[in-house]
Amino acid sequence: RISWLAAIRSGFPFTVGLPFDATAAIVNNRADVTQPGAVYSGVTPVNGGRIYFNPGAFAAPPGSRLGTSGRNALAGPGFWNVDLSLARSITARRLGEAGRVTLRADAFNVANHANLGAPNSLMGSEGIAVALYGRSGYDSGAPSVTPFHESARQVQLGLRVEF
């Protein structure tokens, strides 16, 4: 038996925002887009990830004006993962009439593909625009979002004896 589970997702939306300032007229303000054509000006590799968008295409809005960038107007990197399972059942008459031995191998993240996480989108912070390899998230327990947490390839072997 061969079975597999694949997850292919587009990137989560994000907003380039300003740092929290309790004295500002607008809390959690968005940045101004100063160079609309240069927002995604190439993906540059950095240590542990990639620079995902051009932080030079954004600036803080003057005064108490709302920034011109849209809320969740940018899309983060996508995600894909494939899990594979192979199983073989063999009849074992020594174990009785219904005797059977099942050998199984499961490979999680079979392609050993590293996905990028969401980029740091807070203006003025260290590492702005950097999306690091290795997504991190919280396990919700819901099968609809499986697999959600990034991990390297893992192989698990199983033996099942029925009698």
N, C-alpha and C. Protein backbone atom coordinates (compact mmCIF):
# COMPACT_ATOMS: atom_id res chain seq x y z
N ARG A 1 0.83 -1.18 0.00
CA ARG A 1 0.00 0.00 0.00
C ARG A 1 0.88 1.24 0.00
N ILE A 2 0.48 2.19 -0.77
CA ILE A 2 1.15 3.49 -0.83
C ILE A 2 0.12 4.55 -0.49
N SER A 3 0.48 5.44 0.42
CA SER A 3 -0.40 6.57 0.72
C SER A 3 0.45 7.80 0.94
N TRP A 4 -0.15 8.94 0.72
CA TRP A 4 0.59 10.19 0.88
C TRP A 4 -0.33 11.31 1.29
N LEU A 5 0.28 12.33 1.86
CA LEU A 5 -0.43 13.53 2.27
C LEU A 5 0.40 14.71 1.80
N ALA A 6 -0.19 15.58 1.02
CA ALA A 6 0.52 16.74 0.51
C ALA A 6 -0.19 18.01 0.95
N ALA A 7 0.58 19.02 1.25
CA ALA A 7 0.04 20.33 1.60
C ALA A 7 0.73 21.37 0.73
N ILE A 8 -0.07 22.12 0.01
CA ILE A 8 0.44 23.21 -0.83
C ILE A 8 -0.40 24.43 -0.51
N ARG A 9 0.26 25.47 -0.02
CA ARG A 9 -0.48 26.66 0.39
C ARG A 9 0.17 27.92 -0.16
N SER A 10 -0.65 28.90 -0.45
CA SER A 10 -0.12 30.21 -0.79
C SER A 10 0.33 30.89 0.50
N GLY A 11 1.06 31.96 0.37
CA GLY A 11 1.58 32.65 1.56
C GLY A 11 0.50 33.39 2.33
N PHE A 12 0.71 33.49 3.65
CA PHE A 12 -0.21 34.24 4.49
C PHE A 12 -0.02 35.74 4.24
N PRO A 13 -1.09 36.52 4.27
CA PRO A 13 -0.96 37.97 4.07
C PRO A 13 -0.30 38.63 5.28
N PHE A 14 0.39 39.73 5.01
CA PHE A 14 0.99 40.49 6.10
C PHE A 14 1.01 41.98 5.75
N THR A 15 1.24 42.80 6.76
CA THR A 15 1.24 44.25 6.62
C THR A 15 2.57 44.79 7.10
N VAL A 16 3.15 45.72 6.37
CA VAL A 16 4.35 46.42 6.84
C VAL A 16 3.86 47.52 7.77
N GLY A 17 4.22 47.41 9.03
CA GLY A 17 3.71 48.34 10.03
C GLY A 17 4.80 49.08 10.78
N LEU A 18 4.37 50.04 11.56
CA LEU A 18 5.28 50.83 12.38
C LEU A 18 5.32 50.27 13.80
N PRO A 19 6.41 50.51 14.52
CA PRO A 19 6.48 50.03 15.90
C PRO A 19 5.40 50.67 16.77
N PHE A 20 5.02 49.98 17.84
CA PHE A 20 3.99 50.48 18.75
C PHE A 20 4.47 51.76 19.42
N ASP A 21 3.61 52.78 19.42
CA ASP A 21 3.88 54.05 20.09
C ASP A 21 2.58 54.48 20.76
N ALA A 22 2.57 54.41 22.09
CA ALA A 22 1.35 54.73 22.84
C ALA A 22 0.97 56.20 22.71
N THR A 23 1.91 57.07 22.34
CA THR A 23 1.61 58.50 22.24
C THR A 23 1.16 58.90 20.83
N ALA A 24 1.22 57.98 19.89
CA ALA A 24 0.85 58.30 18.51
C ALA A 24 -0.66 58.43 18.38
N ALA A 25 -1.09 59.22 17.38
CA ALA A 25 -2.51 59.39 17.13
C ALA A 25 -3.13 58.10 16.58
N ILE A 26 -2.35 57.34 15.82
CA ILE A 26 -2.82 56.07 15.26
C ILE A 26 -1.92 54.96 15.79
N VAL A 27 -2.49 54.08 16.57
CA VAL A 27 -1.73 52.95 17.11
C VAL A 27 -1.73 51.83 16.07
N ASN A 28 -0.59 51.16 15.92
CA ASN A 28 -0.42 50.09 14.91
C ASN A 28 -0.63 50.63 13.50
N ASN A 29 -0.04 51.75 13.22
CA ASN A 29 -0.15 52.37 11.90
C ASN A 29 0.62 51.57 10.86
N ARG A 30 0.18 51.69 9.60
CA ARG A 30 0.86 51.05 8.48
C ARG A 30 1.84 52.02 7.85
N ALA A 31 2.79 51.45 7.11
CA ALA A 31 3.80 52.27 6.44
C ALA A 31 3.26 52.83 5.13
N ASP A 32 3.91 53.89 4.64
CA ASP A 32 3.63 54.45 3.32
C ASP A 32 4.40 53.65 2.28
N VAL A 33 3.79 53.40 1.13
CA VAL A 33 4.50 52.78 0.01
C VAL A 33 5.10 53.93 -0.80
N THR A 34 6.42 54.00 -0.86
CA THR A 34 7.09 55.08 -1.58
C THR A 34 7.52 54.66 -2.98
N GLN A 35 7.71 53.36 -3.21
CA GLN A 35 8.12 52.84 -4.51
C GLN A 35 7.27 51.62 -4.85
N PRO A 36 6.06 51.82 -5.38
CA PRO A 36 5.15 50.69 -5.61
C PRO A 36 5.73 49.58 -6.48
N GLY A 37 6.51 49.91 -7.48
CA GLY A 37 7.06 48.90 -8.38
C GLY A 37 8.23 48.14 -7.79
N ALA A 38 8.76 48.59 -6.66
CA ALA A 38 9.96 47.97 -6.10
C ALA A 38 9.70 47.20 -4.81
N VAL A 39 8.43 46.95 -4.48
CA VAL A 39 8.12 46.25 -3.22
C VAL A 39 8.74 44.86 -3.22
N TYR A 40 8.55 44.09 -4.30
CA TYR A 40 9.18 42.78 -4.43
C TYR A 40 10.32 42.90 -5.43
N SER A 41 11.44 43.43 -5.01
CA SER A 41 12.55 43.67 -5.94
C SER A 41 13.58 42.55 -5.88
N GLY A 42 13.14 41.33 -5.93
CA GLY A 42 14.07 40.21 -5.92
C GLY A 42 14.23 39.64 -4.52
N VAL A 43 14.53 38.38 -4.46
CA VAL A 43 14.71 37.70 -3.19
C VAL A 43 16.20 37.46 -3.00
N THR A 44 16.78 38.10 -1.99
CA THR A 44 18.21 38.04 -1.74
C THR A 44 18.51 37.07 -0.59
N PRO A 45 19.42 36.11 -0.78
CA PRO A 45 19.75 35.20 0.32
C PRO A 45 20.51 35.92 1.44
N VAL A 46 20.19 35.58 2.67
CA VAL A 46 20.93 36.04 3.86
C VAL A 46 21.14 34.82 4.76
N ASN A 47 21.92 34.98 5.79
CA ASN A 47 22.21 33.88 6.69
C ASN A 47 20.92 33.36 7.35
N GLY A 48 20.52 32.14 7.05
CA GLY A 48 19.35 31.52 7.66
C GLY A 48 18.04 31.81 6.97
N GLY A 49 18.05 32.54 5.86
CA GLY A 49 16.80 32.85 5.19
C GLY A 49 17.00 33.68 3.94
N ARG A 50 16.01 34.52 3.66
CA ARG A 50 16.05 35.40 2.47
C ARG A 50 15.39 36.73 2.81
N ILE A 51 15.88 37.78 2.17
CA ILE A 51 15.19 39.07 2.26
C ILE A 51 14.02 38.97 1.29
N TYR A 52 12.81 39.04 1.82
CA TYR A 52 11.63 38.72 1.03
C TYR A 52 11.03 39.91 0.31
N PHE A 53 11.13 41.10 0.88
CA PHE A 53 10.62 42.30 0.20
C PHE A 53 11.62 43.43 0.40
N ASN A 54 11.43 44.53 -0.32
CA ASN A 54 12.36 45.66 -0.28
C ASN A 54 11.91 46.65 0.80
N PRO A 55 12.62 46.72 1.93
CA PRO A 55 12.20 47.66 2.98
C PRO A 55 12.39 49.12 2.57
N GLY A 56 13.22 49.36 1.54
CA GLY A 56 13.42 50.72 1.04
C GLY A 56 12.21 51.26 0.29
N ALA A 57 11.26 50.40 -0.04
CA ALA A 57 10.05 50.83 -0.74
C ALA A 57 8.99 51.34 0.22
N PHE A 58 9.31 51.40 1.52
CA PHE A 58 8.35 51.84 2.53
C PHE A 58 8.98 52.93 3.40
N ALA A 59 8.13 53.79 3.94
CA ALA A 59 8.57 54.84 4.86
C ALA A 59 7.45 55.12 5.86
N ALA A 60 7.83 55.72 6.99
CA ALA A 60 6.83 56.09 8.00
C ALA A 60 6.01 57.28 7.49
N PRO A 61 4.70 57.26 7.65
CA PRO A 61 3.88 58.39 7.20
C PRO A 61 4.11 59.60 8.11
N PRO A 62 4.04 60.79 7.55
CA PRO A 62 4.25 61.99 8.36
C PRO A 62 3.06 62.28 9.28
N GLY A 63 3.36 62.80 10.45
CA GLY A 63 2.31 63.25 11.37
C GLY A 63 1.38 62.15 11.81
N SER A 64 0.13 62.48 11.85
CA SER A 64 -0.88 61.53 12.33
C SER A 64 -1.74 61.00 11.18
N ARG A 65 -1.12 60.80 10.02
CA ARG A 65 -1.82 60.30 8.85
C ARG A 65 -1.67 58.78 8.76
N LEU A 66 -2.73 58.11 8.30
CA LEU A 66 -2.70 56.66 8.10
C LEU A 66 -1.80 56.35 6.92
N GLY A 67 -0.99 55.30 7.04
CA GLY A 67 -0.08 54.91 5.96
C GLY A 67 -0.83 54.45 4.72
N THR A 68 -0.17 54.56 3.57
CA THR A 68 -0.81 54.24 2.29
C THR A 68 -0.78 52.77 1.93
N SER A 69 0.00 51.97 2.63
CA SER A 69 0.00 50.53 2.31
C SER A 69 -1.27 49.90 2.87
N GLY A 70 -1.78 48.96 2.14
CA GLY A 70 -3.02 48.31 2.56
C GLY A 70 -2.81 47.30 3.67
N ARG A 71 -3.84 47.08 4.45
CA ARG A 71 -3.76 46.07 5.50
C ARG A 71 -3.74 44.70 4.84
N ASN A 72 -2.76 43.87 5.19
CA ASN A 72 -2.57 42.54 4.62
C ASN A 72 -2.47 42.58 3.10
N ALA A 73 -1.84 43.62 2.57
CA ALA A 73 -1.73 43.79 1.13
C ALA A 73 -0.61 42.95 0.52
N LEU A 74 0.33 42.50 1.33
CA LEU A 74 1.44 41.70 0.82
C LEU A 74 1.23 40.24 1.20
N ALA A 75 1.74 39.36 0.36
CA ALA A 75 1.61 37.92 0.63
C ALA A 75 2.97 37.34 0.96
N GLY A 76 3.03 36.56 2.01
CA GLY A 76 4.27 35.91 2.43
C GLY A 76 4.61 34.74 1.53
N PRO A 77 5.72 34.08 1.81
CA PRO A 77 6.11 32.93 0.99
C PRO A 77 5.14 31.76 1.14
N GLY A 78 5.01 31.01 0.10
CA GLY A 78 4.14 29.84 0.12
C GLY A 78 4.76 28.68 0.88
N PHE A 79 4.07 27.55 0.88
CA PHE A 79 4.47 26.39 1.66
C PHE A 79 4.09 25.14 0.90
N TRP A 80 4.98 24.17 0.88
CA TRP A 80 4.60 22.86 0.36
C TRP A 80 5.35 21.77 1.12
N ASN A 81 4.69 20.64 1.27
CA ASN A 81 5.24 19.52 2.01
C ASN A 81 4.56 18.24 1.55
N VAL A 82 5.31 17.14 1.53
CA VAL A 82 4.75 15.84 1.14
C VAL A 82 5.20 14.79 2.15
N ASP A 83 4.24 14.04 2.67
CA ASP A 83 4.49 12.91 3.55
C ASP A 83 4.11 11.64 2.79
N LEU A 84 4.91 10.57 2.93
CA LEU A 84 4.71 9.35 2.16
C LEU A 84 4.73 8.15 3.10
N SER A 85 3.89 7.16 2.81
CA SER A 85 3.83 5.94 3.61
C SER A 85 3.78 4.73 2.68
N LEU A 86 4.62 3.73 2.98
CA LEU A 86 4.63 2.47 2.24
C LEU A 86 4.39 1.35 3.24
N ALA A 87 3.50 0.41 2.90
CA ALA A 87 3.20 -0.71 3.80
C ALA A 87 3.06 -1.99 2.98
N ARG A 88 3.46 -3.09 3.58
CA ARG A 88 3.35 -4.41 2.93
C ARG A 88 2.90 -5.42 3.97
N SER A 89 1.81 -6.13 3.68
CA SER A 89 1.30 -7.17 4.57
C SER A 89 1.67 -8.53 4.01
N ILE A 90 2.16 -9.42 4.88
CA ILE A 90 2.59 -10.75 4.48
C ILE A 90 1.84 -11.77 5.34
N THR A 91 1.26 -12.76 4.71
CA THR A 91 0.56 -13.81 5.45
C THR A 91 1.57 -14.67 6.18
N ALA A 92 1.29 -14.95 7.46
CA ALA A 92 2.17 -15.78 8.29
C ALA A 92 1.33 -16.90 8.89
N ARG A 93 1.30 -18.07 8.24
CA ARG A 93 0.47 -19.20 8.67
C ARG A 93 0.89 -19.74 10.04
N ARG A 94 2.13 -19.55 10.44
CA ARG A 94 2.59 -20.02 11.75
C ARG A 94 1.89 -19.31 12.90
N LEU A 95 1.31 -18.13 12.62
CA LEU A 95 0.62 -17.35 13.64
C LEU A 95 -0.87 -17.70 13.71
N GLY A 96 -1.29 -18.69 12.96
CA GLY A 96 -2.69 -19.09 12.96
C GLY A 96 -3.34 -18.77 11.62
N GLU A 97 -4.62 -19.06 11.55
CA GLU A 97 -5.35 -18.89 10.30
C GLU A 97 -5.37 -17.44 9.82
N ALA A 98 -5.48 -16.49 10.75
CA ALA A 98 -5.53 -15.06 10.39
C ALA A 98 -4.19 -14.38 10.60
N GLY A 99 -3.11 -15.15 10.71
CA GLY A 99 -1.79 -14.57 10.99
C GLY A 99 -1.29 -13.69 9.86
N ARG A 100 -0.77 -12.55 10.25
CA ARG A 100 -0.28 -11.60 9.26
C ARG A 100 0.80 -10.72 9.89
N VAL A 101 1.81 -10.36 9.12
CA VAL A 101 2.86 -9.44 9.55
C VAL A 101 2.83 -8.26 8.58
N THR A 102 2.77 -7.06 9.13
CA THR A 102 2.75 -5.84 8.31
C THR A 102 4.00 -5.03 8.58
N LEU A 103 4.72 -4.72 7.53
CA LEU A 103 5.89 -3.85 7.59
C LEU A 103 5.48 -2.50 7.04
N ARG A 104 5.88 -1.42 7.71
CA ARG A 104 5.46 -0.09 7.29
C ARG A 104 6.61 0.90 7.43
N ALA A 105 6.74 1.80 6.46
CA ALA A 105 7.72 2.88 6.51
C ALA A 105 6.99 4.19 6.22
N ASP A 106 7.15 5.15 7.10
CA ASP A 106 6.56 6.47 6.93
C ASP A 106 7.68 7.49 6.80
N ALA A 107 7.59 8.35 5.80
CA ALA A 107 8.57 9.43 5.61
C ALA A 107 7.83 10.76 5.65
N PHE A 108 8.17 11.58 6.62
CA PHE A 108 7.57 12.90 6.77
C PHE A 108 8.52 13.92 6.14
N ASN A 109 7.98 14.86 5.37
CA ASN A 109 8.76 15.82 4.59
C ASN A 109 9.74 15.05 3.71
N VAL A 110 9.20 14.17 2.89
CA VAL A 110 10.00 13.25 2.10
C VAL A 110 10.99 13.97 1.17
N ALA A 111 10.68 15.15 0.69
CA ALA A 111 11.59 15.90 -0.18
C ALA A 111 12.62 16.69 0.62
N ASN A 112 12.50 16.72 1.93
CA ASN A 112 13.39 17.48 2.81
C ASN A 112 13.48 18.94 2.36
N HIS A 113 12.32 19.50 2.04
CA HIS A 113 12.23 20.87 1.53
C HIS A 113 12.05 21.86 2.68
N ALA A 114 12.91 22.86 2.74
CA ALA A 114 12.80 23.89 3.77
C ALA A 114 11.93 25.03 3.26
N ASN A 115 10.89 25.36 3.97
CA ASN A 115 10.00 26.45 3.61
C ASN A 115 10.38 27.70 4.39
N LEU A 116 10.09 28.84 3.81
CA LEU A 116 10.33 30.11 4.48
C LEU A 116 9.17 30.45 5.40
N GLY A 117 9.48 31.04 6.54
CA GLY A 117 8.45 31.53 7.45
C GLY A 117 7.99 32.91 7.02
N ALA A 118 7.12 33.50 7.80
CA ALA A 118 6.63 34.85 7.49
C ALA A 118 7.77 35.86 7.69
N PRO A 119 7.88 36.86 6.83
CA PRO A 119 8.95 37.86 6.98
C PRO A 119 8.67 38.82 8.14
N ASN A 120 9.74 39.35 8.70
CA ASN A 120 9.63 40.39 9.73
C ASN A 120 9.16 41.67 9.03
N SER A 121 8.03 42.17 9.40
CA SER A 121 7.44 43.31 8.68
C SER A 121 7.29 44.55 9.55
N LEU A 122 8.08 44.68 10.62
CA LEU A 122 7.99 45.83 11.51
C LEU A 122 9.08 46.83 11.15
N MET A 123 8.69 48.00 10.67
CA MET A 123 9.64 49.05 10.26
C MET A 123 10.58 49.39 11.40
N GLY A 124 11.86 49.55 11.08
CA GLY A 124 12.84 49.96 12.06
C GLY A 124 13.38 48.83 12.92
N SER A 125 12.84 47.63 12.80
CA SER A 125 13.34 46.52 13.61
C SER A 125 14.52 45.85 12.92
N GLU A 126 15.32 45.17 13.72
CA GLU A 126 16.46 44.45 13.17
C GLU A 126 15.95 43.27 12.36
N GLY A 127 16.46 43.09 11.17
CA GLY A 127 16.05 41.98 10.32
C GLY A 127 14.74 42.21 9.60
N ILE A 128 14.37 43.48 9.36
CA ILE A 128 13.14 43.74 8.62
C ILE A 128 13.25 43.12 7.24
N ALA A 129 12.18 42.57 6.76
CA ALA A 129 12.03 41.96 5.44
C ALA A 129 12.65 40.57 5.35
N VAL A 130 13.25 40.07 6.42
CA VAL A 130 13.90 38.76 6.38
C VAL A 130 12.89 37.67 6.73
N ALA A 131 12.79 36.70 5.85
CA ALA A 131 11.99 35.50 6.09
C ALA A 131 12.97 34.37 6.34
N LEU A 132 12.91 33.77 7.52
CA LEU A 132 13.84 32.71 7.89
C LEU A 132 13.33 31.35 7.46
N TYR A 133 14.26 30.43 7.19
CA TYR A 133 13.88 29.06 6.88
C TYR A 133 13.36 28.39 8.14
N GLY A 134 12.35 27.55 7.98
CA GLY A 134 11.79 26.83 9.11
C GLY A 134 10.59 27.56 9.66
N ARG A 135 9.43 27.20 9.17
CA ARG A 135 8.20 27.80 9.67
C ARG A 135 7.99 27.38 11.10
N SER A 136 7.40 28.24 11.87
CA SER A 136 7.05 27.85 13.23
C SER A 136 5.61 28.27 13.47
N GLY A 137 4.93 27.47 14.20
CA GLY A 137 3.54 27.75 14.50
C GLY A 137 3.09 26.91 15.66
N TYR A 138 1.84 26.99 15.98
CA TYR A 138 1.28 26.24 17.08
C TYR A 138 0.41 25.13 16.52
N ASP A 139 0.55 23.95 17.08
CA ASP A 139 -0.25 22.82 16.65
C ASP A 139 -1.67 23.00 17.17
N SER A 140 -2.62 23.14 16.27
CA SER A 140 -4.00 23.35 16.68
C SER A 140 -4.70 22.04 16.99
N GLY A 141 -4.12 20.93 16.55
CA GLY A 141 -4.76 19.64 16.75
C GLY A 141 -5.79 19.32 15.69
N ALA A 142 -6.08 20.27 14.82
CA ALA A 142 -7.08 20.05 13.76
C ALA A 142 -6.39 19.40 12.56
N PRO A 143 -6.91 18.29 12.05
CA PRO A 143 -6.27 17.65 10.91
C PRO A 143 -6.27 18.51 9.65
N SER A 144 -7.14 19.50 9.56
CA SER A 144 -7.22 20.32 8.35
C SER A 144 -5.98 21.19 8.15
N VAL A 145 -5.20 21.45 9.19
CA VAL A 145 -4.01 22.26 9.03
C VAL A 145 -2.74 21.43 9.12
N THR A 146 -2.85 20.12 9.13
CA THR A 146 -1.69 19.25 9.19
C THR A 146 -1.10 19.13 7.80
N PRO A 147 0.18 19.16 7.57
CA PRO A 147 1.25 19.47 8.49
C PRO A 147 1.46 20.98 8.56
N PHE A 148 1.60 21.52 9.74
CA PHE A 148 1.75 22.96 9.92
C PHE A 148 3.14 23.32 10.41
N HIS A 149 3.73 22.46 11.21
CA HIS A 149 5.03 22.76 11.78
C HIS A 149 6.13 22.19 10.89
N GLU A 150 7.12 22.99 10.60
CA GLU A 150 8.22 22.60 9.73
C GLU A 150 9.19 21.68 10.46
N SER A 151 9.63 20.62 9.80
CA SER A 151 10.66 19.76 10.35
C SER A 151 11.45 19.15 9.20
N ALA A 152 12.65 18.70 9.50
CA ALA A 152 13.46 18.02 8.49
C ALA A 152 12.85 16.65 8.21
N ARG A 153 13.35 15.99 7.16
CA ARG A 153 12.83 14.67 6.82
C ARG A 153 12.98 13.73 8.01
N GLN A 154 11.93 13.01 8.30
CA GLN A 154 11.95 12.00 9.36
C GLN A 154 11.38 10.72 8.80
N VAL A 155 12.03 9.60 9.10
CA VAL A 155 11.57 8.30 8.64
C VAL A 155 11.27 7.44 9.86
N GLN A 156 10.15 6.76 9.82
CA GLN A 156 9.73 5.93 10.94
C GLN A 156 9.35 4.56 10.38
N LEU A 157 9.84 3.51 11.02
CA LEU A 157 9.58 2.15 10.58
C LEU A 157 8.67 1.46 11.60
N GLY A 158 7.78 0.61 11.11
CA GLY A 158 6.85 -0.09 12.00
C GLY A 158 6.70 -1.55 11.62
N LEU A 159 6.45 -2.36 12.62
CA LEU A 159 6.19 -3.79 12.43
C LEU A 159 4.94 -4.13 13.22
N ARG A 160 3.98 -4.75 12.57
CA ARG A 160 2.73 -5.12 13.22
C ARG A 160 2.50 -6.62 13.02
N VAL A 161 2.24 -7.31 14.12
CA VAL A 161 2.00 -8.74 14.07
C VAL A 161 0.56 -9.00 14.50
N GLU A 162 -0.21 -9.69 13.64
CA GLU A 162 -1.60 -10.03 13.93
C GLU A 162 -1.72 -11.55 14.02
N PHE A 163 -2.45 -12.00 15.03
CA PHE A 163 -2.68 -13.45 15.16
C PHE A 163 -4.06 -13.71 15.73
